[in-house]
Amino acid sequence: MSDPLLKIPNHHAPGCGDPPIVDGNSDDQYVGYFENSYGEQWIFTLDRKTGKAVLRGGDIGWNTAHAIVDGRTNDLILSAEEQLWLKACWAAAASQSIG
């Protein structure tokens, strides 16, 4: 099958940087996407081999990766909904981590 499962447009201005290109072909990568009620977009990725997890967001600049440790980031202030989503991503990804 050659058609993508999911295509998501970037809702942020060019000044926010280039949105990440996420390759879902790797079995070693978990990917989570969230968009809040204001259209702010977030991408969570976790490398299952290394255990390294990062969060990127349009409003904070797509090119900046924020480290996620134990399902949290100390670098950002997230809404309650964003925190719940991030914890859900962490739980799903970490439970499958082989690193």
C-alpha atoms as a PDB file:
ATOM      1  CA  MET A   1       0.000   0.000   0.000  1.00  0.00           C
ATOM      2  CA  SER A   2       1.560   3.301  -1.050  1.00  0.00           C
ATOM      3  CA  ASP A   3      -0.894   5.828   0.396  1.00  0.00           C
ATOM      4  CA  PRO A   4       0.002   7.417   3.735  1.00  0.00           C
ATOM      5  CA  LEU A   5      -2.105   6.498   6.724  1.00  0.00           C
ATOM      6  CA  LEU A   6      -2.138  10.060   8.009  1.00  0.00           C
ATOM      7  CA  LYS A   7      -1.365  13.466   6.474  1.00  0.00           C
ATOM      8  CA  ILE A   8      -1.463  16.495   8.751  1.00  0.00           C
ATOM      9  CA  PRO A   9      -1.098  20.076   7.493  1.00  0.00           C
ATOM     10  CA  ASN A  10       1.069  22.548   9.373  1.00  0.00           C
ATOM     11  CA  HIS A  11      -1.114  25.240  10.974  1.00  0.00           C
ATOM     12  CA  HIS A  12       1.794  27.440  12.049  1.00  0.00           C
ATOM     13  CA  ALA A  13       3.415  30.446  10.396  1.00  0.00           C
ATOM     14  CA  PRO A  14       6.651  30.033   8.428  1.00  0.00           C
ATOM     15  CA  GLY A  15       8.511  31.791  11.259  1.00  0.00           C
ATOM     16  CA  CYS A  16       7.867  28.746  13.448  1.00  0.00           C
ATOM     17  CA  GLY A  17      10.319  26.725  11.361  1.00  0.00           C
ATOM     18  CA  ASP A  18       9.833  23.632   9.290  1.00  0.00           C
ATOM     19  CA  PRO A  19       7.578  20.982  10.794  1.00  0.00           C
ATOM     20  CA  PRO A  20       9.309  17.684  11.430  1.00  0.00           C
ATOM     21  CA  ILE A  21       9.156  14.969   8.826  1.00  0.00           C
ATOM     22  CA  VAL A  22       8.198  11.828  10.679  1.00  0.00           C
ATOM     23  CA  ASP A  23       8.964   8.516   9.028  1.00  0.00           C
ATOM     24  CA  GLY A  24       6.569   5.949  10.386  1.00  0.00           C
ATOM     25  CA  ASN A  25       8.322   3.054   8.656  1.00  0.00           C
ATOM     26  CA  SER A  26      10.598   2.334  11.592  1.00  0.00           C
ATOM     27  CA  ASP A  27       9.415  -0.244  14.111  1.00  0.00           C
ATOM     28  CA  ASP A  28      11.768   1.387  16.609  1.00  0.00           C
ATOM     29  CA  GLN A  29       9.946   4.730  16.707  1.00  0.00           C
ATOM     30  CA  TYR A  30       6.743   5.641  18.515  1.00  0.00           C
ATOM     31  CA  VAL A  31       4.950   8.749  17.197  1.00  0.00           C
ATOM     32  CA  GLY A  32       2.184  10.727  18.872  1.00  0.00           C
ATOM     33  CA  TYR A  33       0.326  13.778  17.529  1.00  0.00           C
ATOM     34  CA  PHE A  34      -1.832  16.289  19.393  1.00  0.00           C
ATOM     35  CA  GLU A  35      -3.659  19.453  18.380  1.00  0.00           C
ATOM     36  CA  ASN A  36      -5.300  21.560  21.057  1.00  0.00           C
ATOM     37  CA  SER A  37      -8.434  23.679  20.707  1.00  0.00           C
ATOM     38  CA  TYR A  38      -6.315  26.671  19.559  1.00  0.00           C
ATOM     39  CA  GLY A  39      -4.766  24.717  16.680  1.00  0.00           C
ATOM     40  CA  GLU A  40      -1.388  24.388  18.398  1.00  0.00           C
ATOM     41  CA  GLN A  41       0.270  21.219  17.164  1.00  0.00           C
ATOM     42  CA  TRP A  42       2.581  18.842  19.021  1.00  0.00           C
ATOM     43  CA  ILE A  43       4.636  15.834  17.883  1.00  0.00           C
ATOM     44  CA  PHE A  44       6.021  13.315  20.393  1.00  0.00           C
ATOM     45  CA  THR A  45       8.590  10.757  19.286  1.00  0.00           C
ATOM     46  CA  LEU A  46      10.361   8.030  21.230  1.00  0.00           C
ATOM     47  CA  ASP A  47      13.183   5.878  19.900  1.00  0.00           C
ATOM     48  CA  ARG A  48      12.537   2.450  21.398  1.00  0.00           C
ATOM     49  CA  LYS A  49      16.166   1.372  21.018  1.00  0.00           C
ATOM     50  CA  THR A  50      17.680   4.338  22.834  1.00  0.00           C
ATOM     51  CA  GLY A  51      14.721   5.316  25.012  1.00  0.00           C
ATOM     52  CA  LYS A  52      15.217   8.945  23.908  1.00  0.00           C
ATOM     53  CA  ALA A  53      11.946  10.861  23.721  1.00  0.00           C
ATOM     54  CA  VAL A  54      11.395  14.389  22.431  1.00  0.00           C
ATOM     55  CA  LEU A  55       8.525  16.819  22.032  1.00  0.00           C
ATOM     56  CA  ARG A  56       8.262  19.387  19.242  1.00  0.00           C
ATOM     57  CA  GLY A  57       5.613  22.049  18.795  1.00  0.00           C
ATOM     58  CA  GLY A  58       4.812  24.682  16.216  1.00  0.00           C
ATOM     59  CA  ASP A  59       4.265  27.508  18.681  1.00  0.00           C
ATOM     60  CA  ILE A  60       7.615  26.867  20.361  1.00  0.00           C
ATOM     61  CA  GLY A  61       9.486  26.461  17.078  1.00  0.00           C
ATOM     62  CA  TRP A  62       9.385  23.160  15.236  1.00  0.00           C
ATOM     63  CA  ASN A  63      13.184  22.966  15.089  1.00  0.00           C
ATOM     64  CA  THR A  64      13.592  22.804  18.869  1.00  0.00           C
ATOM     65  CA  ALA A  65      13.356  19.348  20.418  1.00  0.00           C
ATOM     66  CA  HIS A  66      12.495  19.219  24.121  1.00  0.00           C
ATOM     67  CA  ALA A  67      13.629  16.159  26.043  1.00  0.00           C
ATOM     68  CA  ILE A  68      10.939  14.046  27.688  1.00  0.00           C
ATOM     69  CA  VAL A  69      11.949  12.120  30.800  1.00  0.00           C
ATOM     70  CA  ASP A  70       9.474   9.943  32.696  1.00  0.00           C
ATOM     71  CA  GLY A  71       6.660  11.425  30.609  1.00  0.00           C
ATOM     72  CA  ARG A  72       7.451  15.031  31.521  1.00  0.00           C
ATOM     73  CA  THR A  73       9.379  18.016  30.264  1.00  0.00           C
ATOM     74  CA  ASN A  74      10.782  20.637  32.595  1.00  0.00           C
ATOM     75  CA  ASP A  75      11.305  23.085  29.724  1.00  0.00           C
ATOM     76  CA  LEU A  76       7.673  23.852  28.894  1.00  0.00           C
ATOM     77  CA  ILE A  77       4.414  24.855  30.512  1.00  0.00           C
ATOM     78  CA  LEU A  78       1.711  22.614  29.074  1.00  0.00           C
ATOM     79  CA  SER A  79      -2.046  22.779  29.533  1.00  0.00           C
ATOM     80  CA  ALA A  80      -3.789  20.008  31.473  1.00  0.00           C
ATOM     81  CA  GLU A  81      -4.941  18.412  28.206  1.00  0.00           C
ATOM     82  CA  GLU A  82      -1.437  18.556  26.725  1.00  0.00           C
ATOM     83  CA  GLN A  83       0.012  16.993  29.880  1.00  0.00           C
ATOM     84  CA  LEU A  84      -2.520  14.145  29.754  1.00  0.00           C
ATOM     85  CA  TRP A  85      -1.735  13.495  26.104  1.00  0.00           C
ATOM     86  CA  LEU A  86       2.015  13.523  26.782  1.00  0.00           C
ATOM     87  CA  LYS A  87       1.633  11.073  29.669  1.00  0.00           C
ATOM     88  CA  ALA A  88      -0.493   8.798  27.482  1.00  0.00           C
ATOM     89  CA  CYS A  89       2.163   8.870  24.745  1.00  0.00           C
ATOM     90  CA  TRP A  90       4.869   8.096  27.292  1.00  0.00           C
ATOM     91  CA  ALA A  91       2.925   5.203  28.777  1.00  0.00           C
ATOM     92  CA  ALA A  92       2.184   3.698  25.371  1.00  0.00           C
ATOM     93  CA  ALA A  93       5.708   4.159  24.025  1.00  0.00           C
ATOM     94  CA  ALA A  94       7.633   3.225  27.161  1.00  0.00           C
ATOM     95  CA  SER A  95       5.658   0.025  27.617  1.00  0.00           C
ATOM     96  CA  GLN A  96       6.950  -1.127  24.231  1.00  0.00           C
ATOM     97  CA  SER A  97      10.485   0.199  24.646  1.00  0.00           C
ATOM     98  CA  ILE A  98      13.277  -2.309  24.181  1.00  0.00           C
ATOM     99  CA  GLY A  99      16.089   0.128  25.002  1.00  0.00           C
END
